[in-house]
C-alpha atoms as a PDB file:
ATOM      1  CA  MET A   1      91.841 135.917 277.448  1.00  0.00           C
ATOM      2  CA  VAL A   2      92.248 132.493 275.906  1.00  0.00           C
ATOM      3  CA  ILE A   3      92.667 129.344 277.943  1.00  0.00           C
ATOM      4  CA  VAL A   4      94.042 126.341 276.145  1.00  0.00           C
ATOM      5  CA  ARG A   5      94.699 122.933 277.651  1.00  0.00           C
ATOM      6  CA  LYS A   6      98.367 122.099 277.935  1.00  0.00           C
ATOM      7  CA  ASN A   7      98.436 118.520 276.887  1.00  0.00           C
ATOM      8  CA  LEU A   8      96.657 118.645 273.563  1.00  0.00           C
ATOM      9  CA  PRO A   9      95.345 115.438 272.150  1.00  0.00           C
ATOM     10  CA  ALA A  10      96.167 114.308 268.647  1.00  0.00           C
ATOM     11  CA  VAL A  11      94.958 116.183 265.594  1.00  0.00           C
ATOM     12  CA  GLY A  12      91.200 116.053 265.130  1.00  0.00           C
ATOM     13  CA  ALA A  13      90.378 115.671 268.819  1.00  0.00           C
ATOM     14  CA  ASN A  14      88.206 118.168 270.705  1.00  0.00           C
ATOM     15  CA  ILE A  15      90.025 121.245 272.033  1.00  0.00           C
ATOM     16  CA  THR A  16      88.456 123.283 274.795  1.00  0.00           C
ATOM     17  CA  ARG A  17      88.870 127.062 274.579  1.00  0.00           C
ATOM     18  CA  THR A  18      87.406 129.931 276.485  1.00  0.00           C
ATOM     19  CA  ALA A  19      87.679 133.322 274.783  1.00  0.00           C
ATOM     20  CA  SER A  20      86.894 136.800 276.004  1.00  0.00           C
ATOM     21  CA  TYR A  21      87.299 139.782 273.668  1.00  0.00           C
ATOM     22  CA  ARG A  22      86.620 142.418 276.311  1.00  0.00           C
ATOM     23  CA  PRO A  23      88.726 143.251 279.329  1.00  0.00           C
ATOM     24  CA  ALA A  24      86.895 142.600 282.577  1.00  0.00           C
ATOM     25  CA  ASN A  25      87.166 146.163 283.919  1.00  0.00           C
ATOM     26  CA  ILE A  26      85.517 147.973 280.907  1.00  0.00           C
ATOM     27  CA  ALA A  27      81.756 148.096 280.537  1.00  0.00           C
ATOM     28  CA  PRO A  28      80.207 147.011 277.206  1.00  0.00           C
ATOM     29  CA  ALA A  29      78.691 150.475 276.502  1.00  0.00           C
ATOM     30  CA  LYS A  30      82.128 152.050 276.138  1.00  0.00           C
ATOM     31  CA  PHE A  31      82.683 150.341 272.782  1.00  0.00           C
ATOM     32  CA  ALA A  32      79.874 152.143 270.870  1.00  0.00           C
ATOM     33  CA  PHE A  33      79.939 155.515 269.068  1.00  0.00           C
ATOM     34  CA  THR A  34      78.036 158.425 270.543  1.00  0.00           C
ATOM     35  CA  LEU A  35      75.266 160.186 268.646  1.00  0.00           C
ATOM     36  CA  VAL A  36      77.428 163.307 268.260  1.00  0.00           C
ATOM     37  CA  GLU A  37      80.250 161.303 266.647  1.00  0.00           C
ATOM     38  CA  VAL A  38      77.832 159.658 264.232  1.00  0.00           C
ATOM     39  CA  MET A  39      76.271 163.001 263.261  1.00  0.00           C
ATOM     40  CA  VAL A  40      79.699 164.578 262.665  1.00  0.00           C
ATOM     41  CA  ALA A  41      80.664 161.639 260.463  1.00  0.00           C
ATOM     42  CA  VAL A  42      77.399 161.910 258.483  1.00  0.00           C
ATOM     43  CA  ALA A  43      77.934 165.667 258.031  1.00  0.00           C
ATOM     44  CA  MET A  44      81.492 165.094 256.773  1.00  0.00           C
ATOM     45  CA  ILE A  45      80.301 162.458 254.317  1.00  0.00           C
ATOM     46  CA  ALA A  46      77.556 164.833 253.094  1.00  0.00           C
ATOM     47  CA  VAL A  47      80.049 167.668 252.507  1.00  0.00           C
ATOM     48  CA  MET A  48      82.484 165.370 250.698  1.00  0.00           C
ATOM     49  CA  GLY A  49      79.694 163.876 248.581  1.00  0.00           C
ATOM     50  CA  THR A  50      78.426 167.316 247.597  1.00  0.00           C
ATOM     51  CA  ALA A  51      81.940 168.452 246.663  1.00  0.00           C
ATOM     52  CA  LEU A  52      82.494 165.286 244.625  1.00  0.00           C
ATOM     53  CA  TYR A  53      79.184 165.722 242.797  1.00  0.00           C
ATOM     54  CA  ALA A  54      79.970 169.383 242.003  1.00  0.00           C
ATOM     55  CA  GLY A  55      83.449 168.468 240.799  1.00  0.00           C
ATOM     56  CA  ILE A  56      82.135 165.774 238.468  1.00  0.00           C
ATOM     57  CA  GLY A  57      79.511 168.183 237.096  1.00  0.00           C
ATOM     58  CA  ALA A  58      82.135 170.851 236.432  1.00  0.00           C
ATOM     59  CA  ALA A  59      84.401 168.312 234.731  1.00  0.00           C
ATOM     60  CA  PHE A  60      81.636 167.194 232.377  1.00  0.00           C
ATOM     61  CA  SER A  61      80.792 170.821 231.607  1.00  0.00           C
ATOM     62  CA  GLN A  62      84.420 171.535 230.677  1.00  0.00           C
ATOM     63  CA  LEU A  63      84.516 168.382 228.557  1.00  0.00           C
ATOM     64  CA  ARG A  64      81.399 169.477 226.646  1.00  0.00           C
ATOM     65  CA  LEU A  65      82.839 172.964 226.081  1.00  0.00           C
ATOM     66  CA  SER A  66      86.120 171.475 224.834  1.00  0.00           C
ATOM     67  CA  ARG A  67      84.257 169.276 222.366  1.00  0.00           C
ATOM     68  CA  GLU A  68      82.248 172.246 221.088  1.00  0.00           C
ATOM     69  CA  ASN A  69      85.404 174.324 220.627  1.00  0.00           C
ATOM     70  CA  LEU A  70      87.151 171.466 218.843  1.00  0.00           C
ATOM     71  CA  ARG A  71      84.231 171.045 216.456  1.00  0.00           C
ATOM     72  CA  ALA A  72      84.193 174.823 215.823  1.00  0.00           C
ATOM     73  CA  THR A  73      87.906 174.689 215.015  1.00  0.00           C
ATOM     74  CA  GLN A  74      87.312 171.783 212.626  1.00  0.00           C
ATOM     75  CA  ILE A  75      84.582 173.701 210.826  1.00  0.00           C
ATOM     76  CA  LEU A  76      86.708 176.856 210.526  1.00  0.00           C
ATOM     77  CA  GLU A  77      89.694 174.884 209.303  1.00  0.00           C
ATOM     78  CA  GLY A  78      87.575 173.051 206.735  1.00  0.00           C
ATOM     79  CA  LYS A  79      86.125 176.290 205.381  1.00  0.00           C
ATOM     80  CA  MET A  80      89.598 177.862 205.232  1.00  0.00           C
ATOM     81  CA  GLU A  81      90.922 174.888 203.287  1.00  0.00           C
ATOM     82  CA  VAL A  82      88.136 175.344 200.748  1.00  0.00           C
ATOM     83  CA  VAL A  83      88.902 179.084 200.453  1.00  0.00           C
ATOM     84  CA  ARG A  84      92.596 178.277 199.998  1.00  0.00           C
ATOM     85  CA  GLN A  85      91.727 176.314 196.852  1.00  0.00           C
ATOM     86  CA  TYR A  86      89.984 179.261 195.151  1.00  0.00           C
ATOM     87  CA  ASN A  87      91.819 181.384 192.624  1.00  0.00           C
ATOM     88  CA  TRP A  88      91.721 185.176 192.398  1.00  0.00           C
ATOM     89  CA  ASP A  89      88.869 185.323 189.878  1.00  0.00           C
ATOM     90  CA  GLN A  90      86.676 183.084 192.031  1.00  0.00           C
ATOM     91  CA  VAL A  91      87.303 185.217 195.104  1.00  0.00           C
ATOM     92  CA  VAL A  92      87.002 188.687 193.518  1.00  0.00           C
ATOM     93  CA  ASN A  93      85.360 188.583 190.104  1.00  0.00           C
ATOM     94  CA  LEU A  94      82.581 186.047 190.699  1.00  0.00           C
ATOM     95  CA  PRO A  95      80.205 187.517 193.295  1.00  0.00           C
ATOM     96  CA  GLY A  96      78.301 184.796 195.114  1.00  0.00           C
ATOM     97  CA  PHE A  97      80.852 182.092 194.285  1.00  0.00           C
ATOM     98  CA  ILE A  98      81.817 181.942 197.960  1.00  0.00           C
ATOM     99  CA  PRO A  99      78.622 181.515 199.987  1.00  0.00           C
ATOM    100  CA  THR A 100      78.214 184.272 202.568  1.00  0.00           C
ATOM    101  CA  THR A 101      76.390 182.113 205.129  1.00  0.00           C
ATOM    102  CA  PHE A 102      76.530 178.455 206.061  1.00  0.00           C
ATOM    103  CA  SER A 103      75.488 176.079 208.831  1.00  0.00           C
ATOM    104  CA  GLU A 104      77.082 172.912 210.163  1.00  0.00           C
ATOM    105  CA  PRO A 105      75.766 170.408 212.726  1.00  0.00           C
ATOM    106  CA  PHE A 106      77.621 169.508 215.906  1.00  0.00           C
ATOM    107  CA  PHE A 107      77.699 165.833 214.934  1.00  0.00           C
ATOM    108  CA  ALA A 108      79.181 165.770 211.449  1.00  0.00           C
ATOM    109  CA  ASN A 109      78.062 162.193 210.762  1.00  0.00           C
ATOM    110  CA  ASN A 110      74.432 162.926 211.764  1.00  0.00           C
ATOM    111  CA  PRO A 111      73.278 166.099 209.983  1.00  0.00           C
ATOM    112  CA  THR A 112      69.673 165.805 211.153  1.00  0.00           C
ATOM    113  CA  ASN A 113      68.824 167.949 214.142  1.00  0.00           C
ATOM    114  CA  THR A 114      68.364 165.328 216.852  1.00  0.00           C
ATOM    115  CA  THR A 115      68.498 165.809 220.600  1.00  0.00           C
ATOM    116  CA  GLY A 116      71.801 167.379 221.627  1.00  0.00           C
ATOM    117  CA  ASN A 117      72.734 168.173 218.029  1.00  0.00           C
ATOM    118  CA  PHE A 118      72.853 171.939 217.754  1.00  0.00           C
ATOM    119  CA  ILE A 119      73.824 173.921 214.684  1.00  0.00           C
ATOM    120  CA  TYR A 120      76.861 176.122 214.120  1.00  0.00           C
ATOM    121  CA  THR A 121      76.044 179.113 211.912  1.00  0.00           C
ATOM    122  CA  GLY A 122      78.716 180.975 210.057  1.00  0.00           C
ATOM    123  CA  THR A 123      79.352 183.926 207.791  1.00  0.00           C
ATOM    124  CA  VAL A 124      82.058 184.486 205.206  1.00  0.00           C
ATOM    125  CA  THR A 125      83.152 188.040 204.449  1.00  0.00           C
ATOM    126  CA  VAL A 126      85.472 189.037 201.590  1.00  0.00           C
ATOM    127  CA  THR A 127      86.790 192.605 201.878  1.00  0.00           C
ATOM    128  CA  ASN A 128      89.759 194.665 200.815  1.00  0.00           C
ATOM    129  CA  ALA A 129      92.811 194.118 202.977  1.00  0.00           C
ATOM    130  CA  PRO A 130      93.271 196.778 205.687  1.00  0.00           C
ATOM    131  CA  ILE A 131      96.550 198.072 204.256  1.00  0.00           C
ATOM    132  CA  THR A 132      97.525 201.179 202.295  1.00  0.00           C
ATOM    133  CA  GLU A 133     100.564 199.784 200.479  1.00  0.00           C
ATOM    134  CA  THR A 134     100.929 199.876 196.728  1.00  0.00           C
ATOM    135  CA  TYR A 135      99.660 196.337 196.338  1.00  0.00           C
ATOM    136  CA  SER A 136      96.486 196.805 198.395  1.00  0.00           C
ATOM    137  CA  ASN A 137      94.322 196.307 195.273  1.00  0.00           C
ATOM    138  CA  ASP A 138      95.864 192.866 194.803  1.00  0.00           C
ATOM    139  CA  LEU A 139      95.049 191.595 198.266  1.00  0.00           C
ATOM    140  CA  ARG A 140      91.734 190.543 199.836  1.00  0.00           C
ATOM    141  CA  MET A 141      90.915 189.652 203.423  1.00  0.00           C
ATOM    142  CA  ILE A 142      88.574 186.731 204.056  1.00  0.00           C
ATOM    143  CA  GLN A 143      86.973 186.386 207.491  1.00  0.00           C
ATOM    144  CA  ILE A 144      84.977 183.363 208.574  1.00  0.00           C
ATOM    145  CA  LYS A 145      82.914 183.858 211.733  1.00  0.00           C
ATOM    146  CA  LEU A 146      81.192 181.014 213.537  1.00  0.00           C
ATOM    147  CA  THR A 147      78.549 181.259 216.279  1.00  0.00           C
ATOM    148  CA  TRP A 148      76.620 178.679 218.260  1.00  0.00           C
ATOM    149  CA  ARG A 149      74.389 178.597 221.307  1.00  0.00           C
ATOM    150  CA  SER A 150      75.103 176.079 224.030  1.00  0.00           C
ATOM    151  CA  GLY A 151      73.896 176.101 227.602  1.00  0.00           C
ATOM    152  CA  GLY A 152      72.149 179.435 227.096  1.00  0.00           C
ATOM    153  CA  ILE A 153      75.425 181.131 226.112  1.00  0.00           C
ATOM    154  CA  ILE A 154      76.342 182.324 222.630  1.00  0.00           C
ATOM    155  CA  HIS A 155      79.875 181.272 221.671  1.00  0.00           C
ATOM    156  CA  LYS A 156      81.871 182.829 218.824  1.00  0.00           C
ATOM    157  CA  ARG A 157      85.017 181.926 216.916  1.00  0.00           C
ATOM    158  CA  GLN A 158      86.575 183.447 213.837  1.00  0.00           C
ATOM    159  CA  ALA A 159      89.423 182.895 211.421  1.00  0.00           C
ATOM    160  CA  THR A 160      91.006 185.373 209.017  1.00  0.00           C
ATOM    161  CA  THR A 161      93.207 184.878 205.985  1.00  0.00           C
ATOM    162  CA  PHE A 162      94.460 186.877 203.037  1.00  0.00           C
ATOM    163  CA  VAL A 163      94.323 186.009 199.339  1.00  0.00           C
ATOM    164  CA  SER A 164      96.698 187.690 196.899  1.00  0.00           C
ATOM    165  CA  GLN A 165      96.207 188.061 193.164  1.00  0.00           C
ATOM    166  CA  TYR A 166      99.622 186.837 192.067  1.00  0.00           C
ATOM    167  CA  GLY A 167     100.440 184.534 194.949  1.00  0.00           C
ATOM    168  CA  LEU A 168     102.616 185.132 197.959  1.00  0.00           C
ATOM    169  CA  GLN A 169     105.958 184.979 196.160  1.00  0.00           C
ATOM    170  CA  ARG A 170     105.628 188.494 194.636  1.00  0.00           C
ATOM    171  CA  TYR A 171     105.102 190.125 198.047  1.00  0.00           C
ATOM    172  CA  VAL A 172     108.136 188.761 199.888  1.00  0.00           C
ATOM    173  CA  TYR A 173     110.691 191.523 200.373  1.00  0.00           C
END
């Protein structure tokens, strides 16, 4: 309840007010929270905080896995582009021309093995194509397999391509 004098003096003069923020018939203790309400609120905040923390942890884990898979794809694509540039003699008639094993770091711009920089290891296999057609002697299958260990789990990716002796144009029907 606010009491204000009716005939107010000019601006800047003293104004007398009496204020009460509490109705007269309610006791002051009725405005506080009970211990049970406070404990329920604390428990709800704890559950929400735990869920938020777990969600953020899972999101960062998925982000790390996506980065590892992207880097594996980059490595496979780079190796395939190199294989694509080889001719038939380099693939078939020069054993050892294509290295059978290789390793690549996670951070391409920092090849030293620092903290958090694990190594992708790969193998390259050149075999006869799994076909029985008349031109099977003129076709080779190249498989590149990539493995890496992250978070105690071994991850694997692979890419396969075919190389023909006379190019693709002679095998189109």
